[in-house]
Amino acid sequence: MSGVKIIKIKSEDDGIRLNRWFLREYPALSLSRLQKLLRTKQIKVEGRRAETSTRLLAGQELRIPPLDNEKAVPENKALSKNDADYIASLVIYKDKDIIVINKPSGLAVQGGTNTTRHVDGMLEALKFENTEKPKLVHRIDKNTSGILVLARNRKSADILTKAFREKRINKTYLALVRGCPEPREGIIEYPLEKVGEKMEVVEDGQKALTQIKVLDNTGKKFALVEAHPLTGRTHQIRAHLEAIGTPIVGDDKYFGEKREHFQQIQDKLYLHAYKIDLSDIYNKKTVITADLPKYFVEACQFFGLEIK
């Protein structure tokens, strides 16, 4: 078909959902039209039919039918000084290869439906002495706070994207949960699969492993838990902690039958990407930590939990 394009997915887009990629590249393309193009096999990944939720991998070939009309979109507004200053204020580490920010809860990493303010749209302000803006190499949920690593050049982007994909980067999360996991230390091994809008424990689902350790608890009421995702499934920590009966406080999606609201603390998701170990990438000890948000610290204090 005349006008059909075959493009290769770039390293910085590794792991991005297909619908998010099209929303960014073809802003005027509606979700219903995208779904029709997928259903009629006009859009394919590696020659095979795909879904809106398909995760694209670096190097894959994406078949795109003629969509020139869907490219049309008003020019992006220049980044405001307030947003430029804001994203710069989040930087907690910088060297010649990477920038690390402490992302607040509520700020999306990339744009999407009804999401116009996001990290990806502010990267221009993080060029500093470079001529090119930094690149996303991994993602965390919009409502999860904490460490987000950005690559400052193409070589670093390729190295980091591959390392994240191969799970050679050790990430540590802190979660405030209702209840207390038993045993207090171990590995959650429930396989996960997307069912509707959630990741659910499914017997023949994808392998998912999360190492956890209780750091402090108030009986069986609440606990501060350290979590290391050993695999990289979507919402893995949230789904696993719900599965063992200790959901994360403030989680709208993974909190059993009905989420509990605690009026004495801020209405946030109490999951924080606390620490990342890049030693395997740098060939020297390189561990970066991101301070907990004030509301997280205050909630732990309210529930009588000690943060060491």
Protein backbone atom coordinates (compact mmCIF):
# COMPACT_ATOMS: atom_id res chain seq x y z
CA MET A 1 0.00 0.00 0.00
CA SER A 2 1.35 3.38 -1.01
CA GLY A 3 2.33 5.51 1.97
CA VAL A 4 2.83 2.59 4.38
CA LYS A 5 5.80 3.11 6.68
CA ILE A 6 7.99 0.58 8.47
CA ILE A 7 9.83 2.19 11.37
CA LYS A 8 12.16 0.78 14.03
CA ILE A 9 11.39 1.50 17.67
CA LYS A 10 14.09 3.64 19.25
CA SER A 11 15.92 2.65 22.42
CA GLU A 12 14.38 5.50 24.41
CA ASP A 13 10.91 4.13 23.57
CA ASP A 14 11.67 0.63 24.84
CA GLY A 15 8.72 -0.59 26.90
CA ILE A 16 6.28 2.15 25.88
CA ARG A 17 2.66 1.12 25.31
CA LEU A 18 1.62 1.16 21.66
CA ASN A 19 -1.30 3.54 22.29
CA ARG A 20 0.98 6.03 24.07
CA TRP A 21 3.48 5.92 21.21
CA PHE A 22 0.76 6.71 18.67
CA LEU A 23 -0.72 9.44 20.88
CA ARG A 24 2.67 11.16 20.90
CA GLU A 25 3.53 10.67 17.22
CA TYR A 26 0.01 11.12 15.82
CA PRO A 27 -1.79 13.45 18.27
CA ALA A 28 -4.94 13.74 16.14
CA LEU A 29 -5.42 9.97 15.93
CA SER A 30 -8.46 8.97 18.00
CA LEU A 31 -8.43 5.85 20.16
CA SER A 32 -11.41 4.39 18.26
CA ARG A 33 -9.60 4.81 14.92
CA LEU A 34 -6.42 3.32 16.37
CA GLN A 35 -8.38 0.31 17.60
CA LYS A 36 -9.98 -0.13 14.17
CA LEU A 37 -6.57 0.01 12.46
CA LEU A 38 -5.31 -2.64 14.87
CA ARG A 39 -8.41 -4.78 14.47
CA THR A 40 -8.09 -4.70 10.67
CA LYS A 41 -4.37 -5.49 10.93
CA GLN A 42 -3.27 -2.26 9.27
CA ILE A 43 -0.90 -1.66 12.19
CA LYS A 44 1.43 -4.52 13.01
CA VAL A 45 4.43 -5.12 15.27
CA GLU A 46 7.06 -7.44 13.83
CA GLY A 47 4.49 -8.48 11.22
CA ARG A 48 1.99 -9.61 13.83
CA ARG A 49 -1.29 -8.20 15.07
CA ALA A 50 -0.97 -6.00 18.15
CA GLU A 51 -3.20 -4.44 20.81
CA THR A 52 -3.34 -0.91 22.24
CA SER A 53 -1.66 -2.26 25.40
CA THR A 54 1.20 -3.97 23.53
CA ARG A 55 4.59 -2.94 24.92
CA LEU A 56 6.98 -1.91 22.17
CA LEU A 57 10.59 -3.03 22.42
CA ALA A 58 13.66 -1.28 21.05
CA GLY A 59 14.53 -2.53 17.56
CA GLN A 60 11.08 -3.90 16.75
CA GLU A 61 9.57 -3.01 13.38
CA LEU A 62 6.24 -1.18 13.44
CA ARG A 63 4.03 -1.10 10.33
CA ILE A 64 2.09 2.15 10.01
CA PRO A 65 -0.55 2.87 7.32
CA PRO A 66 -0.87 6.37 5.81
CA LEU A 67 -1.70 8.66 8.74
CA ASP A 68 -0.55 12.08 7.55
CA ASN A 69 -3.85 13.71 8.50
CA GLU A 70 -3.47 12.52 12.09
CA LYS A 71 -0.15 14.34 12.40
CA ALA A 72 -1.93 17.68 12.43
CA VAL A 73 -1.92 19.27 15.87
CA PRO A 74 -1.47 22.79 17.20
CA GLU A 75 2.14 23.68 17.94
CA ASN A 76 3.27 22.88 21.46
CA LYS A 77 3.47 25.85 23.75
CA ALA A 78 6.92 26.80 24.93
CA LEU A 79 7.89 25.40 28.30
CA SER A 80 6.97 27.94 30.95
CA LYS A 81 9.62 29.32 33.28
CA ASN A 82 7.66 27.92 36.24
CA ASP A 83 7.73 24.40 34.79
CA ALA A 84 11.40 24.74 33.79
CA ASP A 85 12.34 25.82 37.31
CA TYR A 86 10.10 23.12 38.78
CA ILE A 87 11.63 20.17 36.90
CA ALA A 88 15.15 21.50 37.58
CA SER A 89 14.34 21.61 41.30
CA LEU A 90 13.67 17.86 41.25
CA VAL A 91 17.22 16.93 40.18
CA ILE A 92 19.06 14.98 42.89
CA TYR A 93 22.02 13.67 40.86
CA LYS A 94 23.81 14.71 37.66
CA ASP A 95 26.97 13.65 35.85
CA LYS A 96 28.05 13.61 32.20
CA ASP A 97 25.92 10.55 31.42
CA ILE A 98 22.76 10.67 33.55
CA ILE A 99 20.39 12.89 35.48
CA VAL A 100 18.27 11.51 38.32
CA ILE A 101 15.17 13.28 39.56
CA ASN A 102 12.99 12.69 42.62
CA LYS A 103 9.60 12.61 40.88
CA PRO A 104 6.62 13.66 42.98
CA SER A 105 3.43 11.62 43.17
CA GLY A 106 0.87 12.88 40.66
CA LEU A 107 3.35 13.91 37.95
CA ALA A 108 3.17 11.58 34.94
CA VAL A 109 6.35 10.47 33.20
CA GLN A 110 4.77 10.70 29.73
CA GLY A 111 1.66 12.22 28.20
CA GLY A 112 -1.57 10.36 27.61
CA THR A 113 -5.31 10.86 27.57
CA ASN A 114 -6.08 14.04 29.55
CA THR A 115 -2.41 14.30 30.58
CA THR A 116 -0.70 17.40 29.20
CA ARG A 117 1.82 18.11 31.98
CA HIS A 118 4.48 15.44 32.36
CA VAL A 119 8.22 14.87 32.77
CA ASP A 120 8.72 14.10 29.07
CA GLY A 121 7.36 17.53 28.18
CA MET A 122 9.78 19.31 30.50
CA LEU A 123 13.06 17.64 29.49
CA GLU A 124 14.14 20.65 27.46
CA ALA A 125 14.84 22.40 30.78
CA LEU A 126 17.31 19.68 31.79
CA LYS A 127 19.83 20.07 28.96
CA PHE A 128 22.13 22.18 31.16
CA GLU A 129 25.45 22.40 29.26
CA ASN A 130 24.38 19.83 26.61
CA THR A 131 22.84 20.63 23.23
CA GLU A 132 20.37 17.72 23.38
CA LYS A 133 17.74 17.12 26.00
CA PRO A 134 17.93 13.99 28.19
CA LYS A 135 16.06 10.82 27.27
CA LEU A 136 13.68 8.60 29.21
CA VAL A 137 15.09 5.10 29.76
CA HIS A 138 12.49 3.70 32.17
CA ARG A 139 9.21 4.72 33.78
CA ILE A 140 7.38 4.72 37.09
CA ASP A 141 3.66 5.09 37.68
CA LYS A 142 2.18 8.57 37.78
CA ASN A 143 1.18 8.25 41.43
CA THR A 144 4.43 6.57 42.54
CA SER A 145 7.03 9.02 43.81
CA GLY A 146 10.79 8.75 43.72
CA ILE A 147 13.74 8.00 41.49
CA LEU A 148 13.55 8.46 37.73
CA VAL A 149 16.77 8.10 35.70
CA LEU A 150 17.35 10.09 32.50
CA ALA A 151 20.14 9.48 29.97
CA ARG A 152 22.08 12.56 28.80
CA ASN A 153 23.37 11.05 25.55
CA ARG A 154 22.56 8.29 23.06
CA LYS A 155 25.28 5.91 24.31
CA SER A 156 24.03 6.10 27.90
CA ALA A 157 20.44 5.71 26.72
CA ASP A 158 21.31 2.47 24.91
CA ILE A 159 23.29 1.09 27.86
CA LEU A 160 20.64 1.96 30.45
CA THR A 161 17.68 0.80 28.36
CA LYS A 162 19.35 -2.59 27.89
CA ALA A 163 20.28 -2.80 31.58
CA PHE A 164 16.73 -2.01 32.74
CA ARG A 165 15.31 -4.55 30.29
CA GLU A 166 17.74 -7.24 31.50
CA LYS A 167 17.00 -6.40 35.17
CA ARG A 168 20.66 -5.61 35.93
CA ILE A 169 19.69 -2.51 37.87
CA ASN A 170 18.60 -3.06 41.46
CA LYS A 171 15.71 -0.83 42.55
CA THR A 172 14.42 -0.44 46.11
CA TYR A 173 10.93 0.81 46.91
CA LEU A 174 9.36 1.74 50.23
CA ALA A 175 5.65 1.10 50.76
CA LEU A 176 3.29 1.92 53.60
CA VAL A 177 0.82 -0.97 53.78
CA ARG A 178 -2.30 -1.85 55.68
CA GLY A 179 -1.60 -4.97 57.70
CA CYS A 180 1.76 -6.69 58.11
CA PRO A 181 3.18 -9.27 55.65
CA GLU A 182 3.81 -12.76 57.03
CA PRO A 183 6.49 -13.93 56.85
CA ARG A 184 8.17 -10.60 57.43
CA GLU A 185 10.83 -11.30 54.83
CA GLY A 186 10.77 -13.34 51.63
CA ILE A 187 9.83 -13.42 47.94
CA ILE A 188 6.31 -13.09 46.56
CA GLU A 189 6.11 -15.42 43.55
CA TYR A 190 2.57 -15.00 42.20
CA PRO A 191 2.35 -14.95 38.37
CA LEU A 192 0.54 -11.89 37.00
CA GLU A 193 -1.57 -11.16 33.94
CA LYS A 194 -3.59 -8.13 32.90
CA VAL A 195 -7.30 -8.71 33.41
CA GLY A 196 -9.40 -5.70 32.43
CA GLU A 197 -7.73 -2.64 33.92
CA LYS A 198 -5.74 -4.51 36.59
CA MET A 199 -2.89 -6.94 36.92
CA GLU A 200 -4.29 -10.07 38.55
CA VAL A 201 -2.77 -13.24 39.96
CA VAL A 202 -3.34 -15.84 37.24
CA GLU A 203 -2.07 -19.41 37.49
CA ASP A 204 -0.57 -19.44 33.98
CA GLY A 205 0.31 -15.73 33.97
CA GLN A 206 3.73 -14.15 33.50
CA LYS A 207 6.40 -14.95 36.06
CA ALA A 208 6.61 -12.19 38.67
CA LEU A 209 8.93 -12.05 41.68
CA THR A 210 9.04 -9.35 44.37
CA GLN A 211 11.43 -9.54 47.32
CA ILE A 212 10.03 -7.85 50.45
CA LYS A 213 11.16 -7.08 53.98
CA VAL A 214 9.19 -5.51 56.82
CA LEU A 215 11.20 -2.61 58.24
CA ASP A 216 8.75 -1.70 61.01
CA ASN A 217 5.16 -2.43 61.95
CA THR A 218 2.45 -1.56 64.44
CA GLY A 219 1.16 -5.02 65.23
CA LYS A 220 -1.00 -6.25 62.37
CA LYS A 221 -2.41 -2.82 61.55
CA PHE A 222 0.25 -1.12 59.42
CA ALA A 223 3.79 -1.76 58.20
CA LEU A 224 6.63 -0.05 56.37
CA VAL A 225 7.86 -2.48 53.73
CA GLU A 226 10.99 -2.52 51.58
CA ALA A 227 10.35 -4.05 48.16
CA HIS A 228 12.70 -5.12 45.35
CA PRO A 229 11.05 -6.06 42.03
CA LEU A 230 13.08 -8.97 40.65
CA THR A 231 10.99 -8.97 37.47
CA GLY A 232 9.43 -6.02 35.70
CA ARG A 233 5.69 -6.58 35.40
CA THR A 234 3.33 -3.62 35.28
CA HIS A 235 2.11 -2.59 38.78
CA GLN A 236 3.99 -5.61 40.14
CA ILE A 237 4.64 -4.37 43.69
CA ARG A 238 1.11 -3.01 44.04
CA ALA A 239 -0.52 -6.20 42.76
CA HIS A 240 1.72 -8.49 44.83
CA LEU A 241 1.16 -6.62 48.10
CA GLU A 242 -2.58 -6.69 47.49
CA ALA A 243 -2.39 -10.42 46.70
CA ILE A 244 -0.88 -11.25 50.11
CA GLY A 245 -3.49 -9.18 51.92
CA THR A 246 -1.38 -6.10 52.70
CA PRO A 247 -2.32 -3.47 50.09
CA ILE A 248 -0.52 -0.15 49.82
CA VAL A 249 -2.20 2.72 51.62
CA GLY A 250 -3.80 5.14 49.16
CA ASP A 251 -3.92 2.68 46.26
CA ASP A 252 -7.09 3.28 44.24
CA LYS A 253 -6.70 0.18 42.09
CA TYR A 254 -5.07 -2.49 44.27
CA PHE A 255 -6.78 -2.39 47.64
CA GLY A 256 -9.00 -5.46 47.77
CA GLU A 257 -12.77 -5.07 47.53
CA LYS A 258 -12.91 -1.49 48.73
CA ARG A 259 -10.20 1.05 49.34
CA GLU A 260 -9.95 2.50 52.84
CA HIS A 261 -9.60 6.27 53.22
CA PHE A 262 -7.59 7.67 56.11
CA GLN A 263 -8.66 11.25 56.75
CA GLN A 264 -5.71 11.94 59.05
CA ILE A 265 -3.14 11.62 56.22
CA GLN A 266 -2.86 12.99 52.69
CA ASP A 267 -4.75 11.14 49.96
CA LYS A 268 -1.71 9.79 48.07
CA LEU A 269 -0.29 6.47 46.92
CA TYR A 270 2.29 5.56 49.58
CA LEU A 271 4.80 3.90 47.26
CA HIS A 272 8.21 5.51 46.78
CA ALA A 273 11.12 4.54 44.50
CA TYR A 274 13.70 5.07 47.21
CA LYS A 275 17.02 3.77 45.94
CA ILE A 276 18.72 2.64 42.75
CA ASP A 277 22.03 0.82 42.38
CA LEU A 278 23.85 1.63 39.13
CA SER A 279 27.13 0.01 40.20
CA ASP A 280 26.89 -2.66 37.47
CA ILE A 281 26.64 0.08 34.84
CA TYR A 282 29.38 2.35 36.19
CA ASN A 283 31.73 -0.46 37.27
CA LYS A 284 32.05 1.31 40.61
CA LYS A 285 29.78 1.71 43.61
CA THR A 286 27.04 4.12 42.51
CA VAL A 287 23.96 4.09 44.73
CA ILE A 288 21.50 6.98 44.58
CA THR A 289 18.70 7.57 47.09
CA ALA A 290 15.68 9.87 46.94
CA ASP A 291 14.26 11.38 50.12
CA LEU A 292 10.74 10.38 51.06
CA PRO A 293 8.06 13.03 50.49
CA LYS A 294 7.07 14.96 53.61
CA TYR A 295 3.52 13.52 53.55
CA PHE A 296 4.96 9.97 53.50
CA VAL A 297 7.16 10.67 56.53
CA GLU A 298 4.26 12.27 58.38
CA ALA A 299 1.96 9.31 57.65
CA CYS A 300 4.54 6.86 58.99
CA GLN A 301 4.88 8.97 62.14
CA PHE A 302 1.10 9.11 62.51
CA PHE A 303 0.85 5.31 62.33
CA GLY A 304 3.78 4.90 64.73
CA LEU A 305 6.29 3.58 62.19
CA GLU A 306 9.98 4.39 62.40
CA ILE A 307 11.95 5.29 59.27
CA LYS A 308 15.61 4.40 59.80
